[in-house]
C-alpha atoms as a PDB file:
ATOM      1  CA  MET A   1      15.078  20.431  -2.852  1.00  0.00           C
ATOM      2  CA  THR A   2      15.284  19.137   0.854  1.00  0.00           C
ATOM      3  CA  VAL A   3      16.598  21.663   3.399  1.00  0.00           C
ATOM      4  CA  GLN A   4      19.571  21.029   5.639  1.00  0.00           C
ATOM      5  CA  ARG A   5      19.006  22.324   9.428  1.00  0.00           C
ATOM      6  CA  ALA A   6      21.275  22.765  11.957  1.00  0.00           C
ATOM      7  CA  ASP A   7      20.489  23.753  16.016  1.00  0.00           C
ATOM      8  CA  ILE A   8      21.484  27.031  16.935  1.00  0.00           C
ATOM      9  CA  GLU A   9      23.719  25.907  19.627  1.00  0.00           C
ATOM     10  CA  ALA A  10      25.362  23.466  17.591  1.00  0.00           C
ATOM     11  CA  LEU A  11      26.520  26.154  14.759  1.00  0.00           C
ATOM     12  CA  SER A  12      27.620  28.192  17.269  1.00  0.00           C
ATOM     13  CA  GLU A  13      29.981  25.956  18.821  1.00  0.00           C
ATOM     14  CA  PHE A  14      30.670  24.934  14.968  1.00  0.00           C
ATOM     15  CA  CYS A  15      31.694  28.187  14.450  1.00  0.00           C
ATOM     16  CA  GLN A  16      33.564  28.876  17.037  1.00  0.00           C
ATOM     17  CA  ALA A  17      35.876  26.355  17.100  1.00  0.00           C
ATOM     18  CA  ILE A  18      36.577  26.309  12.954  1.00  0.00           C
ATOM     19  CA  LEU A  19      37.895  29.642  13.528  1.00  0.00           C
ATOM     20  CA  ARG A  20      39.819  29.036  16.852  1.00  0.00           C
ATOM     21  CA  ALA A  21      41.551  26.470  14.152  1.00  0.00           C
ATOM     22  CA  ALA A  22      41.832  29.171  11.794  1.00  0.00           C
ATOM     23  CA  GLY A  23      43.919  31.174  14.459  1.00  0.00           C
ATOM     24  CA  ALA A  24      41.895  33.606  15.739  1.00  0.00           C
ATOM     25  CA  ASP A  25      41.693  34.517  19.188  1.00  0.00           C
ATOM     26  CA  ALA A  26      38.383  33.738  21.888  1.00  0.00           C
ATOM     27  CA  SER A  27      37.519  37.051  21.615  1.00  0.00           C
ATOM     28  CA  SER A  28      37.566  37.355  17.541  1.00  0.00           C
ATOM     29  CA  ALA A  29      35.959  34.029  16.765  1.00  0.00           C
ATOM     30  CA  THR A  30      33.208  34.743  20.078  1.00  0.00           C
ATOM     31  CA  ALA A  31      32.352  38.073  18.141  1.00  0.00           C
ATOM     32  CA  ALA A  32      32.285  37.059  15.204  1.00  0.00           C
ATOM     33  CA  THR A  33      30.022  33.831  15.680  1.00  0.00           C
ATOM     34  CA  ARG A  34      27.766  35.898  17.565  1.00  0.00           C
ATOM     35  CA  ALA A  35      26.932  38.077  14.924  1.00  0.00           C
ATOM     36  CA  MET A  36      26.723  35.291  12.362  1.00  0.00           C
ATOM     37  CA  LEU A  37      24.068  34.042  14.250  1.00  0.00           C
ATOM     38  CA  HIS A  38      22.187  37.258  14.532  1.00  0.00           C
ATOM     39  CA  ALA A  39      21.519  36.927  11.214  1.00  0.00           C
ATOM     40  CA  SER A  40      20.932  33.408  10.983  1.00  0.00           C
ATOM     41  CA  SER A  41      18.639  33.450  14.137  1.00  0.00           C
ATOM     42  CA  LEU A  42      16.817  36.023  12.211  1.00  0.00           C
ATOM     43  CA  GLY A  43      16.685  34.940   8.711  1.00  0.00           C
ATOM     44  CA  VAL A  44      19.004  37.375   7.418  1.00  0.00           C
ATOM     45  CA  ASP A  45      21.043  34.274   5.863  1.00  0.00           C
ATOM     46  CA  SER A  46      22.675  36.488   3.125  1.00  0.00           C
ATOM     47  CA  HIS A  47      25.126  37.140   6.574  1.00  0.00           C
ATOM     48  CA  GLY A  48      24.501  34.427   8.801  1.00  0.00           C
ATOM     49  CA  VAL A  49      26.874  31.540   9.130  1.00  0.00           C
ATOM     50  CA  ARG A  50      27.073  30.959   5.445  1.00  0.00           C
ATOM     51  CA  LEU A  51      29.983  33.927   6.066  1.00  0.00           C
ATOM     52  CA  LEU A  52      31.922  31.618   7.818  1.00  0.00           C
ATOM     53  CA  PRO A  53      34.198  29.921   4.974  1.00  0.00           C
ATOM     54  CA  HIS A  54      35.122  33.487   4.090  1.00  0.00           C
ATOM     55  CA  TYR A  55      35.770  34.463   7.727  1.00  0.00           C
ATOM     56  CA  ASP A  56      38.213  31.430   7.841  1.00  0.00           C
ATOM     57  CA  MET A  57      39.811  32.074   4.357  1.00  0.00           C
ATOM     58  CA  VAL A  58      40.546  35.324   5.605  1.00  0.00           C
ATOM     59  CA  PHE A  59      41.862  34.803   9.079  1.00  0.00           C
ATOM     60  CA  ARG A  60      44.224  32.200   7.360  1.00  0.00           C
ATOM     61  CA  GLY A  61      45.480  34.532   4.650  1.00  0.00           C
ATOM     62  CA  GLY A  62      46.601  37.253   6.848  1.00  0.00           C
ATOM     63  CA  ARG A  63      43.936  39.857   6.034  1.00  0.00           C
ATOM     64  CA  LEU A  64      42.497  39.784   9.142  1.00  0.00           C
ATOM     65  CA  ASN A  65      44.773  40.333  12.532  1.00  0.00           C
ATOM     66  CA  THR A  66      43.948  37.086  14.357  1.00  0.00           C
ATOM     67  CA  GLU A  67      45.197  38.840  17.843  1.00  0.00           C
ATOM     68  CA  PRO A  68      44.448  42.336  17.614  1.00  0.00           C
ATOM     69  CA  GLN A  69      45.384  45.082  19.818  1.00  0.00           C
ATOM     70  CA  MET A  70      42.483  48.005  19.534  1.00  0.00           C
ATOM     71  CA  LYS A  71      42.995  51.175  20.625  1.00  0.00           C
ATOM     72  CA  PHE A  72      40.279  53.430  21.573  1.00  0.00           C
ATOM     73  CA  GLU A  73      41.296  57.000  21.956  1.00  0.00           C
ATOM     74  CA  ARG A  74      38.331  59.424  23.351  1.00  0.00           C
ATOM     75  CA  LYS A  75      38.155  63.152  21.816  1.00  0.00           C
ATOM     76  CA  ARG A  76      35.307  64.562  23.330  1.00  0.00           C
ATOM     77  CA  ALA A  77      32.950  64.204  25.630  1.00  0.00           C
ATOM     78  CA  GLY A  78      30.690  62.135  23.400  1.00  0.00           C
ATOM     79  CA  THR A  79      33.035  61.215  20.936  1.00  0.00           C
ATOM     80  CA  GLY A  80      35.624  58.690  20.381  1.00  0.00           C
ATOM     81  CA  ILE A  81      38.062  56.671  17.558  1.00  0.00           C
ATOM     82  CA  LEU A  82      38.370  53.077  18.126  1.00  0.00           C
ATOM     83  CA  ASN A  83      41.562  52.022  15.952  1.00  0.00           C
ATOM     84  CA  ALA A  84      40.490  48.079  15.476  1.00  0.00           C
ATOM     85  CA  ASP A  85      43.920  47.053  14.344  1.00  0.00           C
ATOM     86  CA  ASN A  86      42.803  44.704  11.396  1.00  0.00           C
ATOM     87  CA  ALA A  87      40.096  43.219  13.523  1.00  0.00           C
ATOM     88  CA  HIS A  88      37.227  41.450  12.435  1.00  0.00           C
ATOM     89  CA  GLY A  89      34.577  43.748  11.797  1.00  0.00           C
ATOM     90  CA  ALA A  90      32.192  42.401  14.307  1.00  0.00           C
ATOM     91  CA  LEU A  91      35.028  42.434  16.938  1.00  0.00           C
ATOM     92  CA  ALA A  92      35.512  45.921  16.394  1.00  0.00           C
ATOM     93  CA  ALA A  93      31.832  47.000  16.140  1.00  0.00           C
ATOM     94  CA  TYR A  94      30.744  45.435  19.202  1.00  0.00           C
ATOM     95  CA  THR A  95      33.551  46.969  21.348  1.00  0.00           C
ATOM     96  CA  ALA A  96      32.658  50.273  19.726  1.00  0.00           C
ATOM     97  CA  ALA A  97      28.928  50.006  20.490  1.00  0.00           C
ATOM     98  CA  ASP A  98      30.059  49.370  24.112  1.00  0.00           C
ATOM     99  CA  HIS A  99      32.360  52.359  24.104  1.00  0.00           C
ATOM    100  CA  ALA A 100      29.239  54.421  22.979  1.00  0.00           C
ATOM    101  CA  CYS A 101      27.235  52.943  25.421  1.00  0.00           C
ATOM    102  CA  ASP A 102      29.660  54.280  27.780  1.00  0.00           C
ATOM    103  CA  LEU A 103      29.947  57.711  26.477  1.00  0.00           C
ATOM    104  CA  ALA A 104      26.350  57.837  25.935  1.00  0.00           C
ATOM    105  CA  ARG A 105      25.813  57.329  29.995  1.00  0.00           C
ATOM    106  CA  GLU A 106      27.742  60.321  30.506  1.00  0.00           C
ATOM    107  CA  ALA A 107      26.938  62.774  27.506  1.00  0.00           C
ATOM    108  CA  GLY A 108      23.688  61.753  26.836  1.00  0.00           C
ATOM    109  CA  ILE A 109      25.061  60.715  23.094  1.00  0.00           C
ATOM    110  CA  GLY A 110      28.288  58.411  22.372  1.00  0.00           C
ATOM    111  CA  ALA A 111      29.392  58.034  18.817  1.00  0.00           C
ATOM    112  CA  VAL A 112      32.712  55.877  18.045  1.00  0.00           C
ATOM    113  CA  GLY A 113      34.270  55.662  14.809  1.00  0.00           C
ATOM    114  CA  ILE A 114      36.300  52.530  13.772  1.00  0.00           C
ATOM    115  CA  SER A 115      39.769  52.738  11.729  1.00  0.00           C
ATOM    116  CA  ARG A 116      40.866  49.934   9.984  1.00  0.00           C
ATOM    117  CA  THR A 117      38.265  47.445  10.532  1.00  0.00           C
ATOM    118  CA  SER A 118      37.213  44.542   8.131  1.00  0.00           C
ATOM    119  CA  HIS A 119      33.819  43.439   7.065  1.00  0.00           C
ATOM    120  CA  PHE A 120      31.073  43.112  10.009  1.00  0.00           C
ATOM    121  CA  GLY A 121      28.342  41.224   8.829  1.00  0.00           C
ATOM    122  CA  PRO A 122      24.725  42.301   9.806  1.00  0.00           C
ATOM    123  CA  ALA A 123      24.605  45.887  10.881  1.00  0.00           C
ATOM    124  CA  GLY A 124      21.651  45.218  12.936  1.00  0.00           C
ATOM    125  CA  ALA A 125      23.652  42.865  15.511  1.00  0.00           C
ATOM    126  CA  TYR A 126      25.334  45.986  16.419  1.00  0.00           C
ATOM    127  CA  ALA A 127      22.423  48.422  17.147  1.00  0.00           C
ATOM    128  CA  LEU A 128      20.553  45.802  18.905  1.00  0.00           C
ATOM    129  CA  ALA A 129      23.703  45.051  21.491  1.00  0.00           C
ATOM    130  CA  MET A 130      23.128  48.987  22.251  1.00  0.00           C
ATOM    131  CA  ALA A 131      19.289  48.821  22.311  1.00  0.00           C
ATOM    132  CA  HIS A 132      19.554  45.371  24.711  1.00  0.00           C
ATOM    133  CA  ALA A 133      21.887  48.428  26.869  1.00  0.00           C
ATOM    134  CA  GLY A 134      18.615  51.013  27.269  1.00  0.00           C
ATOM    135  CA  MET A 135      19.774  52.807  24.741  1.00  0.00           C
ATOM    136  CA  ILE A 136      18.869  53.496  21.196  1.00  0.00           C
ATOM    137  CA  GLY A 137      21.869  52.441  18.585  1.00  0.00           C
ATOM    138  CA  ILE A 138      22.624  53.178  15.233  1.00  0.00           C
ATOM    139  CA  ALA A 139      25.529  51.483  13.266  1.00  0.00           C
ATOM    140  CA  VAL A 140      26.976  52.031   9.732  1.00  0.00           C
ATOM    141  CA  CYS A 141      29.463  50.694   7.461  1.00  0.00           C
ATOM    142  CA  HIS A 142      30.853  51.278   3.965  1.00  0.00           C
ATOM    143  CA  SER A 143      32.421  48.284   2.060  1.00  0.00           C
ATOM    144  CA  ASP A 144      33.984  47.889  -1.577  1.00  0.00           C
ATOM    145  CA  SER A 145      32.450  48.742  -4.843  1.00  0.00           C
ATOM    146  CA  PHE A 146      29.704  46.385  -5.858  1.00  0.00           C
ATOM    147  CA  VAL A 147      26.418  49.110  -6.616  1.00  0.00           C
ATOM    148  CA  ARG A 148      25.940  51.108  -8.789  1.00  0.00           C
ATOM    149  CA  LEU A 149      24.847  54.792  -9.048  1.00  0.00           C
ATOM    150  CA  HIS A 150      21.239  55.868 -10.033  1.00  0.00           C
ATOM    151  CA  ASP A 151      21.515  55.624 -13.842  1.00  0.00           C
ATOM    152  CA  GLY A 152      25.488  54.335 -13.469  1.00  0.00           C
ATOM    153  CA  ALA A 153      26.831  51.508 -15.465  1.00  0.00           C
ATOM    154  CA  GLU A 154      30.191  50.927 -13.529  1.00  0.00           C
ATOM    155  CA  ARG A 155      30.627  49.709  -9.532  1.00  0.00           C
ATOM    156  CA  PHE A 156      31.116  53.004  -7.111  1.00  0.00           C
ATOM    157  CA  HIS A 157      29.415  52.829  -3.513  1.00  0.00           C
ATOM    158  CA  GLY A 158      29.447  49.168  -1.359  1.00  0.00           C
ATOM    159  CA  THR A 159      26.139  47.840  -0.210  1.00  0.00           C
ATOM    160  CA  ASN A 160      26.448  50.230   2.605  1.00  0.00           C
ATOM    161  CA  PRO A 161      24.258  49.146   5.549  1.00  0.00           C
ATOM    162  CA  ILE A 162      22.244  51.552   7.603  1.00  0.00           C
ATOM    163  CA  ALA A 163      20.811  50.095  10.934  1.00  0.00           C
ATOM    164  CA  ALA A 164      18.626  51.489  14.262  1.00  0.00           C
ATOM    165  CA  SER A 165      17.458  50.024  17.118  1.00  0.00           C
ATOM    166  CA  VAL A 166      15.194  51.096  19.934  1.00  0.00           C
ATOM    167  CA  PRO A 167      14.237  49.178  23.445  1.00  0.00           C
ATOM    168  CA  THR A 168      10.779  48.730  23.813  1.00  0.00           C
ATOM    169  CA  GLY A 169       8.277  48.181  27.481  1.00  0.00           C
ATOM    170  CA  LYS A 170       6.413  44.915  26.675  1.00  0.00           C
ATOM    171  CA  GLY A 171       8.357  43.283  23.663  1.00  0.00           C
ATOM    172  CA  ASN A 172      11.751  42.824  21.293  1.00  0.00           C
ATOM    173  CA  PRO A 173      13.155  46.254  20.341  1.00  0.00           C
ATOM    174  CA  TRP A 174      12.030  48.210  17.208  1.00  0.00           C
ATOM    175  CA  LEU A 175      14.404  46.770  14.846  1.00  0.00           C
ATOM    176  CA  LEU A 176      16.009  48.444  10.974  1.00  0.00           C
ATOM    177  CA  ASP A 177      18.439  47.062   9.303  1.00  0.00           C
ATOM    178  CA  MET A 178      18.404  47.535   5.581  1.00  0.00           C
ATOM    179  CA  ALA A 179      21.132  47.429   2.384  1.00  0.00           C
ATOM    180  CA  THR A 180      21.109  50.738   1.148  1.00  0.00           C
ATOM    181  CA  SER A 181      21.649  49.127  -2.432  1.00  0.00           C
ATOM    182  CA  ALA A 182      18.386  47.023  -3.772  1.00  0.00           C
ATOM    183  CA  VAL A 183      19.807  43.405  -1.919  1.00  0.00           C
ATOM    184  CA  PRO A 184      23.340  42.939  -0.616  1.00  0.00           C
ATOM    185  CA  TYR A 185      25.667  40.711  -2.486  1.00  0.00           C
ATOM    186  CA  ASN A 186      25.332  37.985  -0.238  1.00  0.00           C
ATOM    187  CA  ARG A 187      21.985  37.597  -1.591  1.00  0.00           C
ATOM    188  CA  VAL A 188      22.498  37.228  -5.022  1.00  0.00           C
ATOM    189  CA  GLN A 189      25.081  34.458  -3.441  1.00  0.00           C
ATOM    190  CA  LEU A 190      22.375  32.780  -1.998  1.00  0.00           C
ATOM    191  CA  TYR A 191      19.902  33.099  -4.765  1.00  0.00           C
ATOM    192  CA  LYS A 192      23.433  31.590  -6.968  1.00  0.00           C
ATOM    193  CA  SER A 193      23.145  28.739  -4.819  1.00  0.00           C
ATOM    194  CA  LEU A 194      19.608  27.818  -4.374  1.00  0.00           C
ATOM    195  CA  GLY A 195      19.082  28.092  -7.873  1.00  0.00           C
ATOM    196  CA  ARG A 196      16.328  31.073  -7.782  1.00  0.00           C
ATOM    197  CA  ASP A 197      15.728  34.388  -9.750  1.00  0.00           C
ATOM    198  CA  LEU A 198      16.626  37.370  -8.379  1.00  0.00           C
ATOM    199  CA  PRO A 199      13.782  40.128  -7.917  1.00  0.00           C
ATOM    200  CA  ASP A 200      13.267  42.722 -11.068  1.00  0.00           C
ATOM    201  CA  GLY A 201      15.296  45.493 -10.654  1.00  0.00           C
ATOM    202  CA  THR A 202      17.689  44.528  -7.857  1.00  0.00           C
ATOM    203  CA  ALA A 203      21.287  43.778  -9.862  1.00  0.00           C
ATOM    204  CA  SER A 204      22.890  44.832 -13.065  1.00  0.00           C
ATOM    205  CA  ASP A 205      25.278  43.024 -15.845  1.00  0.00           C
ATOM    206  CA  LEU A 206      28.272  44.064 -17.441  1.00  0.00           C
ATOM    207  CA  ASN A 207      26.831  47.055 -18.643  1.00  0.00           C
ATOM    208  CA  GLY A 208      24.451  48.056 -16.334  1.00  0.00           C
ATOM    209  CA  ILE A 209      21.704  46.376 -17.872  1.00  0.00           C
ATOM    210  CA  ASP A 210      19.358  44.932 -14.980  1.00  0.00           C
ATOM    211  CA  THR A 211      18.837  41.059 -14.392  1.00  0.00           C
ATOM    212  CA  ARG A 212      17.629  38.498 -12.585  1.00  0.00           C
ATOM    213  CA  ASP A 213      20.033  36.015 -13.085  1.00  0.00           C
ATOM    214  CA  ALA A 214      22.262  35.604 -10.486  1.00  0.00           C
ATOM    215  CA  ASN A 215      24.728  33.700 -12.552  1.00  0.00           C
ATOM    216  CA  VAL A 216      25.654  37.160 -14.353  1.00  0.00           C
ATOM    217  CA  VAL A 217      25.543  39.818 -11.727  1.00  0.00           C
ATOM    218  CA  GLU A 218      27.796  42.153 -12.018  1.00  0.00           C
ATOM    219  CA  MET A 219      27.028  44.863 -10.005  1.00  0.00           C
ATOM    220  CA  LEU A 220      23.589  45.548  -7.843  1.00  0.00           C
ATOM    221  CA  ALA A 221      21.233  48.478  -8.540  1.00  0.00           C
ATOM    222  CA  PRO A 222      20.677  51.164  -5.946  1.00  0.00           C
ATOM    223  CA  LEU A 223      17.951  51.165  -3.235  1.00  0.00           C
ATOM    224  CA  GLY A 224      14.667  52.553  -4.837  1.00  0.00           C
ATOM    225  CA  GLY A 225      13.953  51.413  -8.250  1.00  0.00           C
ATOM    226  CA  GLU A 226      13.330  54.202 -10.684  1.00  0.00           C
ATOM    227  CA  PHE A 227      14.308  55.961  -7.665  1.00  0.00           C
ATOM    228  CA  GLY A 228      17.440  54.732  -7.132  1.00  0.00           C
ATOM    229  CA  PHE A 229      19.243  58.521  -6.506  1.00  0.00           C
ATOM    230  CA  LYS A 230      17.506  58.214  -2.680  1.00  0.00           C
ATOM    231  CA  GLY A 231      19.124  55.092  -2.704  1.00  0.00           C
ATOM    232  CA  ALA A 232      22.636  56.180  -3.671  1.00  0.00           C
ATOM    233  CA  GLY A 233      22.069  59.266  -1.559  1.00  0.00           C
ATOM    234  CA  LEU A 234      21.351  56.983   1.177  1.00  0.00           C
ATOM    235  CA  ALA A 235      24.742  55.238   0.401  1.00  0.00           C
ATOM    236  CA  GLY A 236      26.702  58.162   0.105  1.00  0.00           C
ATOM    237  CA  LEU A 237      25.780  59.310   3.316  1.00  0.00           C
ATOM    238  CA  VAL A 238      27.309  56.198   4.904  1.00  0.00           C
ATOM    239  CA  GLU A 239      30.385  56.848   2.955  1.00  0.00           C
ATOM    240  CA  ILE A 240      30.441  59.820   4.050  1.00  0.00           C
ATOM    241  CA  LEU A 241      30.192  58.703   7.988  1.00  0.00           C
ATOM    242  CA  SER A 242      32.083  55.499   7.374  1.00  0.00           C
ATOM    243  CA  GLY A 243      34.841  56.415   5.540  1.00  0.00           C
ATOM    244  CA  ILE A 244      35.456  59.932   5.335  1.00  0.00           C
ATOM    245  CA  LEU A 245      34.577  60.813   9.132  1.00  0.00           C
ATOM    246  CA  THR A 246      36.974  57.969   9.977  1.00  0.00           C
ATOM    247  CA  GLY A 247      39.986  58.668   7.523  1.00  0.00           C
ATOM    248  CA  MET A 248      39.223  55.479   6.044  1.00  0.00           C
ATOM    249  CA  LYS A 249      39.618  54.564   2.186  1.00  0.00           C
ATOM    250  CA  ILE A 250      36.461  55.046   0.415  1.00  0.00           C
ATOM    251  CA  SER A 251      34.217  52.245  -1.473  1.00  0.00           C
ATOM    252  CA  PRO A 252      36.279  52.517  -4.550  1.00  0.00           C
ATOM    253  CA  GLU A 253      39.463  52.093  -2.548  1.00  0.00           C
ATOM    254  CA  ILE A 254      38.695  49.297  -1.131  1.00  0.00           C
ATOM    255  CA  LEU A 255      39.861  45.628  -1.893  1.00  0.00           C
ATOM    256  CA  PRO A 256      37.186  43.256  -2.928  1.00  0.00           C
ATOM    257  CA  MET A 257      35.981  41.426  -0.352  1.00  0.00           C
ATOM    258  CA  GLY A 258      36.529  38.308  -2.233  1.00  0.00           C
ATOM    259  CA  GLY A 259      40.155  38.538  -3.155  1.00  0.00           C
ATOM    260  CA  PRO A 260      42.250  37.247  -4.769  1.00  0.00           C
ATOM    261  CA  ASP A 261      44.184  39.411  -2.538  1.00  0.00           C
ATOM    262  CA  ILE A 262      43.172  38.104   0.895  1.00  0.00           C
ATOM    263  CA  SER A 263      46.211  38.895   2.837  1.00  0.00           C
ATOM    264  CA  THR A 264      46.225  42.846   2.506  1.00  0.00           C
ATOM    265  CA  PRO A 265      44.319  44.463   5.141  1.00  0.00           C
ATOM    266  CA  ARG A 266      41.109  46.610   3.679  1.00  0.00           C
ATOM    267  CA  ASP A 267      41.476  49.330   5.512  1.00  0.00           C
ATOM    268  CA  MET A 268      37.578  49.941   5.965  1.00  0.00           C
ATOM    269  CA  GLY A 269      35.716  52.217   8.718  1.00  0.00           C
ATOM    270  CA  ALA A 270      32.554  52.333  10.402  1.00  0.00           C
ATOM    271  CA  LEU A 271      30.482  54.442  13.092  1.00  0.00           C
ATOM    272  CA  VAL A 272      28.189  53.417  15.486  1.00  0.00           C
ATOM    273  CA  ILE A 273      26.096  56.102  17.969  1.00  0.00           C
ATOM    274  CA  CYS A 274      24.540  54.995  21.161  1.00  0.00           C
ATOM    275  CA  ILE A 275      21.777  57.622  22.105  1.00  0.00           C
ATOM    276  CA  ASP A 276      20.983  57.440  26.012  1.00  0.00           C
ATOM    277  CA  PRO A 277      17.385  58.183  26.292  1.00  0.00           C
ATOM    278  CA  ASP A 278      17.687  59.584  30.047  1.00  0.00           C
ATOM    279  CA  GLY A 279      19.603  62.563  28.037  1.00  0.00           C
ATOM    280  CA  PHE A 280      16.322  63.405  26.415  1.00  0.00           C
ATOM    281  CA  VAL A 281      12.673  62.892  27.867  1.00  0.00           C
ATOM    282  CA  GLY A 282      14.145  59.756  30.006  1.00  0.00           C
ATOM    283  CA  ARG A 283      13.541  55.647  29.563  1.00  0.00           C
ATOM    284  CA  GLY A 284      10.505  55.231  30.919  1.00  0.00           C
ATOM    285  CA  LEU A 285       9.065  57.743  28.539  1.00  0.00           C
ATOM    286  CA  LEU A 286      10.696  56.649  25.635  1.00  0.00           C
ATOM    287  CA  LEU A 287       9.571  53.022  26.543  1.00  0.00           C
ATOM    288  CA  ALA A 288       5.937  54.258  26.757  1.00  0.00           C
ATOM    289  CA  GLY A 289       6.179  56.394  23.788  1.00  0.00           C
ATOM    290  CA  MET A 290       7.760  53.179  21.870  1.00  0.00           C
ATOM    291  CA  ASP A 291       4.969  50.577  22.518  1.00  0.00           C
ATOM    292  CA  ARG A 292       2.085  53.070  22.112  1.00  0.00           C
ATOM    293  CA  TYR A 293       3.488  53.818  18.869  1.00  0.00           C
ATOM    294  CA  LEU A 294       3.764  50.268  17.734  1.00  0.00           C
ATOM    295  CA  SER A 295       0.648  49.721  18.658  1.00  0.00           C
ATOM    296  CA  ALA A 296      -0.712  52.274  16.815  1.00  0.00           C
ATOM    297  CA  LEU A 297       1.300  50.884  14.055  1.00  0.00           C
ATOM    298  CA  ARG A 298       0.298  47.195  14.716  1.00  0.00           C
ATOM    299  CA  GLY A 299      -3.424  48.283  14.771  1.00  0.00           C
ATOM    300  CA  SER A 300      -3.512  50.771  11.333  1.00  0.00           C
ATOM    301  CA  SER A 301      -5.813  49.163   8.744  1.00  0.00           C
ATOM    302  CA  PRO A 302      -3.776  46.662   6.233  1.00  0.00           C
ATOM    303  CA  ARG A 303      -4.483  46.053   2.936  1.00  0.00           C
ATOM    304  CA  GLU A 304      -6.450  42.803   1.457  1.00  0.00           C
ATOM    305  CA  GLY A 305      -4.893  39.678   2.664  1.00  0.00           C
ATOM    306  CA  LEU A 306      -1.403  41.680   4.004  1.00  0.00           C
ATOM    307  CA  GLN A 307      -0.389  42.447   7.237  1.00  0.00           C
ATOM    308  CA  VAL A 308       1.233  45.722   8.451  1.00  0.00           C
ATOM    309  CA  MET A 309       4.250  44.909  10.372  1.00  0.00           C
ATOM    310  CA  ALA A 310       6.884  47.296  12.649  1.00  0.00           C
ATOM    311  CA  PRO A 311      10.598  46.588  11.316  1.00  0.00           C
ATOM    312  CA  GLY A 312      12.307  43.688  12.968  1.00  0.00           C
ATOM    313  CA  ASP A 313       8.293  42.197  13.535  1.00  0.00           C
ATOM    314  CA  ARG A 314       9.203  39.323  10.484  1.00  0.00           C
ATOM    315  CA  GLU A 315      12.483  39.053  11.832  1.00  0.00           C
ATOM    316  CA  TRP A 316      11.212  38.122  15.758  1.00  0.00           C
ATOM    317  CA  ALA A 317       8.694  35.763  14.543  1.00  0.00           C
ATOM    318  CA  GLU A 318      11.804  33.793  12.145  1.00  0.00           C
ATOM    319  CA  ALA A 319      14.030  33.865  15.364  1.00  0.00           C
ATOM    320  CA  ALA A 320      11.175  31.728  17.255  1.00  0.00           C
ATOM    321  CA  SER A 321      10.455  29.621  14.260  1.00  0.00           C
ATOM    322  CA  ARG A 322      14.253  28.777  14.080  1.00  0.00           C
ATOM    323  CA  ARG A 323      15.036  27.957  17.567  1.00  0.00           C
ATOM    324  CA  LYS A 324      12.669  25.139  17.366  1.00  0.00           C
ATOM    325  CA  ALA A 325      13.226  23.843  13.364  1.00  0.00           C
ATOM    326  CA  GLY A 326      16.942  25.045  13.383  1.00  0.00           C
ATOM    327  CA  VAL A 327      18.899  27.378  11.072  1.00  0.00           C
ATOM    328  CA  PRO A 328      17.781  25.919   7.112  1.00  0.00           C
ATOM    329  CA  LEU A 329      21.188  26.075   5.165  1.00  0.00           C
ATOM    330  CA  ASP A 330      21.634  26.291   1.804  1.00  0.00           C
ATOM    331  CA  PRO A 331      23.555  23.475  -0.456  1.00  0.00           C
ATOM    332  CA  GLU A 332      26.607  25.296  -1.212  1.00  0.00           C
ATOM    333  CA  THR A 333      26.774  26.004   3.018  1.00  0.00           C
ATOM    334  CA  VAL A 334      26.407  22.631   3.826  1.00  0.00           C
ATOM    335  CA  THR A 335      29.211  21.666   0.952  1.00  0.00           C
ATOM    336  CA  ALA A 336      31.553  24.327   2.740  1.00  0.00           C
ATOM    337  CA  PHE A 337      30.439  23.322   6.382  1.00  0.00           C
ATOM    338  CA  ALA A 338      31.641  19.635   5.528  1.00  0.00           C
ATOM    339  CA  ARG A 339      34.815  20.691   3.788  1.00  0.00           C
ATOM    340  CA  LEU A 340      36.138  22.744   6.803  1.00  0.00           C
ATOM    341  CA  ALA A 341      34.841  19.765   9.438  1.00  0.00           C
ATOM    342  CA  GLU A 342      37.116  18.105   7.573  1.00  0.00           C
ATOM    343  CA  CYS A 343      39.839  19.892   7.350  1.00  0.00           C
ATOM    344  CA  ALA A 344      39.773  20.965  11.178  1.00  0.00           C
ATOM    345  CA  GLY A 345      38.818  17.558  12.424  1.00  0.00           C
ATOM    346  CA  ILE A 346      35.937  18.684  14.267  1.00  0.00           C
ATOM    347  CA  ALA A 347      32.518  17.007  13.233  1.00  0.00           C
ATOM    348  CA  VAL A 348      29.590  19.047  11.020  1.00  0.00           C
ATOM    349  CA  PRO A 349      26.673  20.709  13.045  1.00  0.00           C
ATOM    350  CA  PHE A 350      23.850  18.560  11.226  1.00  0.00           C
END
């Protein structure tokens, strides 16, 4: 199968143009594109530009507010709530991250809950934004039910991601971005488009029985395989921090991401936490400590034929490659982009 590639800058311009054509204001289009390109640049294709057709659909359908009037309310010295006014989740999360950084500079730690938000894509994008500001960043969000419980046979939690990022003194930030499901749902969609089998123990059919066939997947497995109670527990923690702490719906109550109702807001929640190292040992000692830690980690003995890597190492290497070679686009995305381009009267980015 021939891989179609597109230049990152061309993709950015295309995504923003499509979202503006769908009615999104400049801030929404810019934030959504920034998040998608974060994922596509780092090789997290399941949460990258292949989401563009979905975002186009829900902006046009009315689920997302094309001109949101978000309101931030400070609660305590280091806490606050951002009412996202049914904005695109990326705009809400980047905005909340900025507020959290401001709170942390004053209080040492800043935590901002987000209410009335929506799908925000790659959680790592918002943790990384805080790391680029010199802070430790953490971001979590829940979603509609698609993951069975450990030993369960029906959808319960969302994929409920956890992301964290820490600045370093000599290189790219340490970056962890993980779903609490064995794989994210968009990975299933990607594998379906590519005609590939899923890994063992990652997804289930209608009866909760494991399957590798992406075409018959009805639910995802929690992270951990035979020890999936750990993934289910982590998903529950994200549920509490994202949905209950912000007064929003819990996963079983959230409308499905894919519809059929694309006009009703989903009332999702999220939480971002920012930690200012100057409220603890200081930025200098944090950076030195991270460099010492990562040097020891990468220098530890690997198993034969393998390489020890820190969270983010694989992604940063992929980003360097894609800056040169372009972002690979799966066949389903290529077809969808052609349709979007024709409808909007915009040239495709490849």
